[in-house]
PDB file of N, CA and C in Angstrom:
ATOM      1  N   UNK A   1      -6.135  17.431 134.853  1.00  0.00           N
ATOM      2  CA  UNK A   1      -6.051  15.894 134.984  1.00  0.00           C
ATOM      3  C   UNK A   1      -7.108  15.484 136.191  1.00  0.00           C
ATOM      4  N   UNK A   2      -7.675  14.184 135.940  1.00  0.00           N
ATOM      5  CA  UNK A   2      -8.463  13.786 136.726  1.00  0.00           C
ATOM      6  C   UNK A   2     -10.005  14.424 136.606  1.00  0.00           C
ATOM      7  N   UNK A   3      -9.958  15.204 135.853  1.00  0.00           N
ATOM      8  CA  UNK A   3     -11.389  16.002 135.658  1.00  0.00           C
ATOM      9  C   UNK A   3     -12.396  14.989 134.738  1.00  0.00           C
ATOM     10  N   UNK A   4     -13.589  14.826 135.293  1.00  0.00           N
ATOM     11  CA  UNK A   4     -14.601  14.093 134.666  1.00  0.00           C
ATOM     12  C   UNK A   4     -15.468  14.721 133.986  1.00  0.00           C
ATOM     13  N   UNK A   5     -15.425  16.176 133.922  1.00  0.00           N
ATOM     14  CA  UNK A   5     -16.615  17.052 133.117  1.00  0.00           C
ATOM     15  C   UNK A   5     -15.811  18.237 133.321  1.00  0.00           C
ATOM     16  N   UNK A   6     -15.979  19.253 132.134  1.00  0.00           N
ATOM     17  CA  UNK A   6     -15.658  20.525 131.982  1.00  0.00           C
ATOM     18  C   UNK A   6     -16.886  21.255 131.075  1.00  0.00           C
ATOM     19  N   UNK A   7     -17.362  22.320 132.050  1.00  0.00           N
ATOM     20  CA  UNK A   7     -18.652  22.812 131.563  1.00  0.00           C
ATOM     21  C   UNK A   7     -18.205  23.459 129.979  1.00  0.00           C
ATOM     22  N   UNK A   8     -19.388  23.788 129.369  1.00  0.00           N
ATOM     23  CA  UNK A   8     -19.249  24.105 127.869  1.00  0.00           C
ATOM     24  C   UNK A   8     -18.207  25.446 127.559  1.00  0.00           C
ATOM     25  N   UNK A   9     -18.628  25.959 128.567  1.00  0.00           N
ATOM     26  CA  UNK A   9     -18.344  27.448 128.445  1.00  0.00           C
ATOM     27  C   UNK A   9     -16.915  27.774 129.189  1.00  0.00           C
ATOM     28  N   UNK A  10     -16.353  26.660 129.639  1.00  0.00           N
ATOM     29  CA  UNK A  10     -14.866  26.668 130.553  1.00  0.00           C
ATOM     30  C   UNK A  10     -13.645  26.238 129.819  1.00  0.00           C
ATOM     31  N   UNK A  11     -12.624  26.373 130.385  1.00  0.00           N
ATOM     32  CA  UNK A  11     -11.481  25.856 129.769  1.00  0.00           C
ATOM     33  C   UNK A  11     -10.326  25.831 130.920  1.00  0.00           C
ATOM     34  N   UNK A  12      -9.038  25.486 130.234  1.00  0.00           N
ATOM     35  CA  UNK A  12      -7.771  25.459 130.939  1.00  0.00           C
ATOM     36  C   UNK A  12      -6.894  26.034 130.166  1.00  0.00           C
ATOM     37  N   UNK A  13      -6.360  27.155 130.740  1.00  0.00           N
ATOM     38  CA  UNK A  13      -5.521  27.967 130.148  1.00  0.00           C
ATOM     39  C   UNK A  13      -4.011  27.815 130.906  1.00  0.00           C
ATOM     40  N   UNK A  14      -3.015  27.321 130.074  1.00  0.00           N
ATOM     41  CA  UNK A  14      -1.627  27.318 130.276  1.00  0.00           C
ATOM     42  C   UNK A  14      -0.876  28.474 129.959  1.00  0.00           C
ATOM     43  N   UNK A  15      -0.174  29.212 130.799  1.00  0.00           N
ATOM     44  CA  UNK A  15       0.661  30.278 130.444  1.00  0.00           C
ATOM     45  C   UNK A  15       2.136  29.914 131.029  1.00  0.00           C
ATOM     46  N   UNK A  16       2.814  30.294 129.569  1.00  0.00           N
ATOM     47  CA  UNK A  16       4.330  29.895 129.887  1.00  0.00           C
ATOM     48  C   UNK A  16       5.073  31.276 130.016  1.00  0.00           C
ATOM     49  N   UNK A  17       6.307  31.017 130.554  1.00  0.00           N
ATOM     50  CA  UNK A  17       7.342  32.237 130.664  1.00  0.00           C
ATOM     51  C   UNK A  17       7.589  32.942 129.541  1.00  0.00           C
ATOM     52  N   UNK A  18       7.987  32.022 128.539  1.00  0.00           N
ATOM     53  CA  UNK A  18       8.293  32.581 127.267  1.00  0.00           C
ATOM     54  C   UNK A  18       7.724  31.579 125.914  1.00  0.00           C
ATOM     55  N   UNK A  19       7.682  32.453 124.747  1.00  0.00           N
ATOM     56  CA  UNK A  19       7.370  31.560 123.837  1.00  0.00           C
ATOM     57  C   UNK A  19       8.219  30.430 123.082  1.00  0.00           C
ATOM     58  N   UNK A  20       7.768  29.158 123.079  1.00  0.00           N
ATOM     59  CA  UNK A  20       8.716  28.103 122.647  1.00  0.00           C
ATOM     60  C   UNK A  20       7.455  27.056 122.144  1.00  0.00           C
ATOM     61  N   UNK A  21       8.274  25.961 121.884  1.00  0.00           N
ATOM     62  CA  UNK A  21       7.315  24.750 121.439  1.00  0.00           C
ATOM     63  C   UNK A  21       7.279  23.801 122.776  1.00  0.00           C
ATOM     64  N   UNK A  22       5.995  23.586 123.180  1.00  0.00           N
ATOM     65  CA  UNK A  22       5.424  23.074 124.342  1.00  0.00           C
ATOM     66  C   UNK A  22       4.296  21.738 123.902  1.00  0.00           C
ATOM     67  N   UNK A  23       5.246  20.566 124.125  1.00  0.00           N
ATOM     68  CA  UNK A  23       4.345  19.301 123.803  1.00  0.00           C
ATOM     69  C   UNK A  23       3.450  19.101 125.007  1.00  0.00           C
ATOM     70  N   UNK A  24       2.334  18.439 124.828  1.00  0.00           N
ATOM     71  CA  UNK A  24       1.449  18.088 125.812  1.00  0.00           C
ATOM     72  C   UNK A  24       1.126  16.613 125.448  1.00  0.00           C
ATOM     73  N   UNK A  25       0.538  15.961 126.562  1.00  0.00           N
ATOM     74  CA  UNK A  25       0.012  14.602 126.628  1.00  0.00           C
ATOM     75  C   UNK A  25      -1.116  14.656 127.408  1.00  0.00           C
ATOM     76  N   UNK A  26      -1.636  13.504 127.232  1.00  0.00           N
ATOM     77  CA  UNK A  26      -3.305  13.116 127.998  1.00  0.00           C
ATOM     78  C   UNK A  26      -3.149  12.336 128.915  1.00  0.00           C
ATOM     79  N   UNK A  27      -2.000  12.075 129.752  1.00  0.00           N
ATOM     80  CA  UNK A  27      -1.935  11.243 131.006  1.00  0.00           C
ATOM     81  C   UNK A  27      -3.041  11.659 131.979  1.00  0.00           C
ATOM     82  N   UNK A  28      -3.423  10.803 132.578  1.00  0.00           N
ATOM     83  CA  UNK A  28      -4.411  11.143 133.641  1.00  0.00           C
ATOM     84  C   UNK A  28      -5.553  12.050 133.205  1.00  0.00           C
ATOM     85  N   UNK A  29      -5.814  12.064 131.959  1.00  0.00           N
ATOM     86  CA  UNK A  29      -7.043  12.949 131.496  1.00  0.00           C
ATOM     87  C   UNK A  29      -8.070  12.121 131.201  1.00  0.00           C
ATOM     88  N   UNK A  30      -9.247  12.415 131.638  1.00  0.00           N
ATOM     89  CA  UNK A  30     -10.411  11.617 131.486  1.00  0.00           C
ATOM     90  C   UNK A  30     -11.242  11.760 130.545  1.00  0.00           C
ATOM     91  N   UNK A  31     -11.232  13.165 129.872  1.00  0.00           N
ATOM     92  CA  UNK A  31     -12.322  13.370 128.787  1.00  0.00           C
ATOM     93  C   UNK A  31     -11.411  13.843 127.644  1.00  0.00           C
ATOM     94  N   UNK A  32     -11.990  13.616 126.377  1.00  0.00           N
ATOM     95  CA  UNK A  32     -11.304  13.949 125.222  1.00  0.00           C
ATOM     96  C   UNK A  32     -11.290  15.636 125.191  1.00  0.00           C
ATOM     97  N   UNK A  33     -10.305  16.209 124.694  1.00  0.00           N
ATOM     98  CA  UNK A  33     -10.118  17.867 124.758  1.00  0.00           C
ATOM     99  C   UNK A  33      -9.834  18.202 123.114  1.00  0.00           C
ATOM    100  N   UNK A  34     -10.046  19.427 122.997  1.00  0.00           N
ATOM    101  CA  UNK A  34      -9.447  20.241 121.872  1.00  0.00           C
ATOM    102  C   UNK A  34      -8.337  20.905 122.534  1.00  0.00           C
ATOM    103  N   UNK A  35      -7.504  21.294 121.884  1.00  0.00           N
ATOM    104  CA  UNK A  35      -6.127  21.967 122.531  1.00  0.00           C
ATOM    105  C   UNK A  35      -5.720  22.937 121.344  1.00  0.00           C
ATOM    106  N   UNK A  36      -5.409  24.204 122.049  1.00  0.00           N
ATOM    107  CA  UNK A  36      -5.110  25.313 120.970  1.00  0.00           C
ATOM    108  C   UNK A  36      -4.020  26.247 121.516  1.00  0.00           C
ATOM    109  N   UNK A  37      -2.937  26.152 120.697  1.00  0.00           N
ATOM    110  CA  UNK A  37      -1.808  26.967 121.000  1.00  0.00           C
ATOM    111  C   UNK A  37      -1.633  28.238 120.603  1.00  0.00           C
ATOM    112  N   UNK A  38      -1.289  29.242 121.399  1.00  0.00           N
ATOM    113  CA  UNK A  38      -1.513  30.311 121.062  1.00  0.00           C
ATOM    114  C   UNK A  38      -0.182  31.321 121.122  1.00  0.00           C
ATOM    115  N   UNK A  39       0.079  32.180 120.148  1.00  0.00           N
ATOM    116  CA  UNK A  39       1.591  32.734 120.046  1.00  0.00           C
ATOM    117  C   UNK A  39       1.475  34.154 120.966  1.00  0.00           C
ATOM    118  N   UNK A  40       2.329  34.652 121.367  1.00  0.00           N
ATOM    119  CA  UNK A  40       2.668  35.944 121.969  1.00  0.00           C
ATOM    120  C   UNK A  40       1.744  37.140 121.239  1.00  0.00           C
ATOM    121  N   UNK A  41       1.544  36.733 120.012  1.00  0.00           N
ATOM    122  CA  UNK A  41       0.776  37.936 119.251  1.00  0.00           C
ATOM    123  C   UNK A  41      -0.732  37.412 119.298  1.00  0.00           C
ATOM    124  N   UNK A  42      -1.249  36.522 120.355  1.00  0.00           N
ATOM    125  CA  UNK A  42      -2.499  36.052 120.165  1.00  0.00           C
ATOM    126  C   UNK A  42      -2.949  35.335 119.045  1.00  0.00           C
ATOM    127  N   UNK A  43      -2.083  34.829 118.360  1.00  0.00           N
ATOM    128  CA  UNK A  43      -2.338  34.141 117.120  1.00  0.00           C
ATOM    129  C   UNK A  43      -2.579  32.647 117.235  1.00  0.00           C
ATOM    130  N   UNK A  44      -3.578  31.960 116.845  1.00  0.00           N
ATOM    131  CA  UNK A  44      -3.764  30.589 116.985  1.00  0.00           C
ATOM    132  C   UNK A  44      -2.732  29.940 115.999  1.00  0.00           C
ATOM    133  N   UNK A  45      -1.692  29.248 116.527  1.00  0.00           N
ATOM    134  CA  UNK A  45      -0.761  28.651 115.849  1.00  0.00           C
ATOM    135  C   UNK A  45      -0.575  27.074 115.677  1.00  0.00           C
ATOM    136  N   UNK A  46      -1.501  26.566 116.313  1.00  0.00           N
ATOM    137  CA  UNK A  46      -1.516  25.236 116.346  1.00  0.00           C
ATOM    138  C   UNK A  46      -2.792  24.678 116.962  1.00  0.00           C
ATOM    139  N   UNK A  47      -3.466  23.724 116.332  1.00  0.00           N
ATOM    140  CA  UNK A  47      -4.834  22.892 116.944  1.00  0.00           C
ATOM    141  C   UNK A  47      -4.780  21.528 117.141  1.00  0.00           C
ATOM    142  N   UNK A  48      -5.052  20.947 117.810  1.00  0.00           N
ATOM    143  CA  UNK A  48      -5.162  19.559 118.077  1.00  0.00           C
ATOM    144  C   UNK A  48      -6.397  19.236 118.530  1.00  0.00           C
ATOM    145  N   UNK A  49      -7.303  18.719 117.612  1.00  0.00           N
ATOM    146  CA  UNK A  49      -8.833  18.438 117.738  1.00  0.00           C
ATOM    147  C   UNK A  49      -8.998  17.196 118.418  1.00  0.00           C
ATOM    148  N   UNK A  50      -9.813  17.050 119.381  1.00  0.00           N
ATOM    149  CA  UNK A  50     -10.507  15.492 119.883  1.00  0.00           C
ATOM    150  C   UNK A  50      -9.271  14.633 120.362  1.00  0.00           C
ATOM    151  N   UNK A  51      -8.281  15.283 121.167  1.00  0.00           N
ATOM    152  CA  UNK A  51      -7.181  14.686 121.858  1.00  0.00           C
ATOM    153  C   UNK A  51      -7.922  13.675 122.791  1.00  0.00           C
ATOM    154  N   UNK A  52      -7.503  12.362 122.739  1.00  0.00           N
ATOM    155  CA  UNK A  52      -8.078  11.370 123.454  1.00  0.00           C
ATOM    156  C   UNK A  52      -7.175  11.037 124.778  1.00  0.00           C
ATOM    157  N   UNK A  53      -7.823  10.635 125.922  1.00  0.00           N
ATOM    158  CA  UNK A  53      -6.849  10.410 127.008  1.00  0.00           C
ATOM    159  C   UNK A  53      -6.159   9.379 126.691  1.00  0.00           C
ATOM    160  N   UNK A  54      -5.044   9.022 127.421  1.00  0.00           N
ATOM    161  CA  UNK A  54      -4.191   7.970 127.049  1.00  0.00           C
ATOM    162  C   UNK A  54      -4.767   6.524 127.401  1.00  0.00           C
ATOM    163  N   UNK A  55      -4.456   5.507 126.794  1.00  0.00           N
ATOM    164  CA  UNK A  55      -4.819   4.164 126.911  1.00  0.00           C
ATOM    165  C   UNK A  55      -3.758   3.464 127.729  1.00  0.00           C
ATOM    166  N   UNK A  56      -4.167   3.114 129.145  1.00  0.00           N
ATOM    167  CA  UNK A  56      -3.256   2.652 130.194  1.00  0.00           C
ATOM    168  C   UNK A  56      -1.870   3.370 130.105  1.00  0.00           C
ATOM    169  N   UNK A  57      -0.799   2.782 129.970  1.00  0.00           N
ATOM    170  CA  UNK A  57       0.400   3.410 130.017  1.00  0.00           C
ATOM    171  C   UNK A  57       1.135   3.906 128.906  1.00  0.00           C
ATOM    172  N   UNK A  58       0.418   4.024 127.780  1.00  0.00           N
ATOM    173  CA  UNK A  58       0.721   4.394 126.442  1.00  0.00           C
ATOM    174  C   UNK A  58      -0.018   6.075 126.238  1.00  0.00           C
ATOM    175  N   UNK A  59       1.030   6.715 126.220  1.00  0.00           N
ATOM    176  CA  UNK A  59       0.668   8.138 125.893  1.00  0.00           C
ATOM    177  C   UNK A  59       1.677   8.772 124.738  1.00  0.00           C
ATOM    178  N   UNK A  60       1.045   9.630 123.830  1.00  0.00           N
ATOM    179  CA  UNK A  60       1.797  10.186 122.619  1.00  0.00           C
ATOM    180  C   UNK A  60       1.718  11.563 122.925  1.00  0.00           C
ATOM    181  N   UNK A  61       2.733  12.334 122.705  1.00  0.00           N
ATOM    182  CA  UNK A  61       2.797  13.724 122.639  1.00  0.00           C
ATOM    183  C   UNK A  61       2.171  14.402 121.637  1.00  0.00           C
ATOM    184  N   UNK A  62       1.830  15.253 121.892  1.00  0.00           N
ATOM    185  CA  UNK A  62       1.112  16.306 120.890  1.00  0.00           C
ATOM    186  C   UNK A  62       1.931  17.232 120.910  1.00  0.00           C
ATOM    187  N   UNK A  63       2.811  17.597 119.900  1.00  0.00           N
ATOM    188  CA  UNK A  63       3.552  18.596 119.611  1.00  0.00           C
ATOM    189  C   UNK A  63       3.557  19.643 118.533  1.00  0.00           C
ATOM    190  N   UNK A  64       3.018  20.760 119.005  1.00  0.00           N
ATOM    191  CA  UNK A  64       2.875  21.974 117.977  1.00  0.00           C
ATOM    192  C   UNK A  64       4.009  22.018 117.019  1.00  0.00           C
ATOM    193  N   UNK A  65       3.871  22.606 115.872  1.00  0.00           N
ATOM    194  CA  UNK A  65       4.914  23.009 115.237  1.00  0.00           C
ATOM    195  C   UNK A  65       5.457  24.242 115.115  1.00  0.00           C
ATOM    196  N   UNK A  66       4.919  25.090 115.856  1.00  0.00           N
ATOM    197  CA  UNK A  66       5.119  26.558 116.026  1.00  0.00           C
ATOM    198  C   UNK A  66       5.288  26.959 117.579  1.00  0.00           C
ATOM    199  N   UNK A  67       5.900  27.699 117.672  1.00  0.00           N
ATOM    200  CA  UNK A  67       6.105  28.342 119.169  1.00  0.00           C
ATOM    201  C   UNK A  67       4.832  28.889 119.587  1.00  0.00           C
ATOM    202  N   UNK A  68       4.561  28.850 120.896  1.00  0.00           N
ATOM    203  CA  UNK A  68       3.432  29.579 121.409  1.00  0.00           C
ATOM    204  C   UNK A  68       4.114  29.735 123.008  1.00  0.00           C
ATOM    205  N   UNK A  69       3.113  30.781 123.479  1.00  0.00           N
ATOM    206  CA  UNK A  69       3.065  31.115 125.048  1.00  0.00           C
ATOM    207  C   UNK A  69       2.010  30.708 125.795  1.00  0.00           C
ATOM    208  N   UNK A  70       0.638  30.671 125.065  1.00  0.00           N
ATOM    209  CA  UNK A  70      -0.115  29.951 125.850  1.00  0.00           C
ATOM    210  C   UNK A  70      -0.935  28.654 125.121  1.00  0.00           C
ATOM    211  N   UNK A  71      -1.373  28.022 125.892  1.00  0.00           N
ATOM    212  CA  UNK A  71      -2.325  26.520 125.470  1.00  0.00           C
ATOM    213  C   UNK A  71      -3.458  26.582 126.025  1.00  0.00           C
ATOM    214  N   UNK A  72      -4.650  26.574 125.398  1.00  0.00           N
ATOM    215  CA  UNK A  72      -5.963  26.326 125.947  1.00  0.00           C
ATOM    216  C   UNK A  72      -6.628  24.876 125.618  1.00  0.00           C
ATOM    217  N   UNK A  73      -6.863  24.336 126.772  1.00  0.00           N
ATOM    218  CA  UNK A  73      -7.784  23.221 126.469  1.00  0.00           C
ATOM    219  C   UNK A  73      -9.113  23.446 126.732  1.00  0.00           C
ATOM    220  N   UNK A  74      -9.930  22.916 125.781  1.00  0.00           N
ATOM    221  CA  UNK A  74     -11.523  23.034 125.890  1.00  0.00           C
ATOM    222  C   UNK A  74     -12.044  21.926 125.740  1.00  0.00           C
ATOM    223  N   UNK A  75     -13.267  21.575 125.833  1.00  0.00           N
ATOM    224  CA  UNK A  75     -13.979  20.307 125.409  1.00  0.00           C
ATOM    225  C   UNK A  75     -13.794  19.865 123.901  1.00  0.00           C
ATOM    226  N   UNK A  76     -13.516  18.759 123.654  1.00  0.00           N
ATOM    227  CA  UNK A  76     -13.714  18.211 122.208  1.00  0.00           C
ATOM    228  C   UNK A  76     -14.734  18.588 121.682  1.00  0.00           C
ATOM    229  N   UNK A  77     -14.546  19.138 120.422  1.00  0.00           N
ATOM    230  CA  UNK A  77     -15.758  19.613 119.522  1.00  0.00           C
ATOM    231  C   UNK A  77     -16.066  20.888 119.644  1.00  0.00           C
ATOM    232  N   UNK A  78     -15.341  21.592 120.611  1.00  0.00           N
ATOM    233  CA  UNK A  78     -15.635  22.776 120.698  1.00  0.00           C
ATOM    234  C   UNK A  78     -14.939  23.800 119.650  1.00  0.00           C
ATOM    235  N   UNK A  79     -13.827  23.378 119.184  1.00  0.00           N
ATOM    236  CA  UNK A  79     -12.930  24.275 118.159  1.00  0.00           C
ATOM    237  C   UNK A  79     -13.944  24.286 116.919  1.00  0.00           C
ATOM    238  N   UNK A  80     -14.382  23.254 116.654  1.00  0.00           N
ATOM    239  CA  UNK A  80     -15.362  23.301 115.260  1.00  0.00           C
ATOM    240  C   UNK A  80     -16.624  23.946 115.713  1.00  0.00           C
ATOM    241  N   UNK A  81     -17.315  23.890 116.742  1.00  0.00           N
ATOM    242  CA  UNK A  81     -18.418  24.429 117.012  1.00  0.00           C
ATOM    243  C   UNK A  81     -18.332  26.138 117.095  1.00  0.00           C
ATOM    244  N   UNK A  82     -17.235  26.602 117.640  1.00  0.00           N
ATOM    245  CA  UNK A  82     -16.826  27.785 117.527  1.00  0.00           C
ATOM    246  C   UNK A  82     -16.209  28.618 116.591  1.00  0.00           C
ATOM    247  N   UNK A  83     -15.784  27.566 115.399  1.00  0.00           N
ATOM    248  CA  UNK A  83     -15.154  28.152 114.249  1.00  0.00           C
ATOM    249  C   UNK A  83     -13.851  28.646 114.416  1.00  0.00           C
ATOM    250  N   UNK A  84     -13.115  27.950 115.347  1.00  0.00           N
ATOM    251  CA  UNK A  84     -11.748  28.452 115.522  1.00  0.00           C
ATOM    252  C   UNK A  84     -10.706  27.859 114.419  1.00  0.00           C
ATOM    253  N   UNK A  85      -9.982  28.664 113.790  1.00  0.00           N
ATOM    254  CA  UNK A  85      -8.915  28.252 112.713  1.00  0.00           C
ATOM    255  C   UNK A  85      -7.470  28.825 113.071  1.00  0.00           C
ATOM    256  N   UNK A  86      -6.705  28.098 112.409  1.00  0.00           N
ATOM    257  CA  UNK A  86      -5.267  28.707 112.494  1.00  0.00           C
ATOM    258  C   UNK A  86      -5.216  29.897 111.855  1.00  0.00           C
ATOM    259  N   UNK A  87      -4.453  30.944 112.668  1.00  0.00           N
ATOM    260  CA  UNK A  87      -4.343  32.091 112.133  1.00  0.00           C
ATOM    261  C   UNK A  87      -5.235  33.299 112.782  1.00  0.00           C
ATOM    262  N   UNK A  88      -6.537  32.489 113.548  1.00  0.00           N
ATOM    263  CA  UNK A  88      -7.275  33.163 114.288  1.00  0.00           C
ATOM    264  C   UNK A  88      -6.696  33.947 115.279  1.00  0.00           C
ATOM    265  N   UNK A  89      -7.041  35.107 115.790  1.00  0.00           N
ATOM    266  CA  UNK A  89      -6.857  35.964 117.191  1.00  0.00           C
ATOM    267  C   UNK A  89      -7.599  35.688 118.025  1.00  0.00           C
ATOM    268  N   UNK A  90      -6.894  35.169 119.252  1.00  0.00           N
ATOM    269  CA  UNK A  90      -7.729  34.835 120.526  1.00  0.00           C
ATOM    270  C   UNK A  90      -7.364  36.119 121.387  1.00  0.00           C
ATOM    271  N   UNK A  91      -8.065  36.948 121.877  1.00  0.00           N
ATOM    272  CA  UNK A  91      -8.098  37.957 122.880  1.00  0.00           C
ATOM    273  C   UNK A  91      -8.065  37.180 124.200  1.00  0.00           C
ATOM    274  N   UNK A  92      -7.203  37.431 124.852  1.00  0.00           N
ATOM    275  CA  UNK A  92      -7.136  36.761 126.336  1.00  0.00           C
ATOM    276  C   UNK A  92      -7.240  38.010 127.420  1.00  0.00           C
ATOM    277  N   UNK A  93      -8.166  38.357 128.241  1.00  0.00           N
ATOM    278  CA  UNK A  93      -8.543  39.159 128.979  1.00  0.00           C
ATOM    279  C   UNK A  93      -8.012  39.015 130.450  1.00  0.00           C
ATOM    280  N   UNK A  94      -7.319  39.816 131.198  1.00  0.00           N
ATOM    281  CA  UNK A  94      -7.024  39.905 132.518  1.00  0.00           C
ATOM    282  C   UNK A  94      -5.937  38.986 132.868  1.00  0.00           C
ATOM    283  N   UNK A  95      -5.013  38.833 131.933  1.00  0.00           N
ATOM    284  CA  UNK A  95      -3.647  37.886 132.070  1.00  0.00           C
ATOM    285  C   UNK A  95      -2.744  38.768 132.327  1.00  0.00           C
TER     286      UNK A  95
END
């Protein structure tokens, strides 16, 4: 939240205690993001491309349709640039 710039090779990783459905919204977010939900088996289970910041007080929930234990936010456009797709494996080191 409130970040005006995110370097191309950086992201924000959310780690949950258990695998579940975790909706997100873009309140107080200033830049568009690609959002990637990842299962406990490191499989990409849901992708939201180019999630836009909320307009004033109107925010919508982005709700994945499968459980995840991680959610990774990266700059909008990076999912396509990196060729990330549903079912891909994401290896998370040092977690």
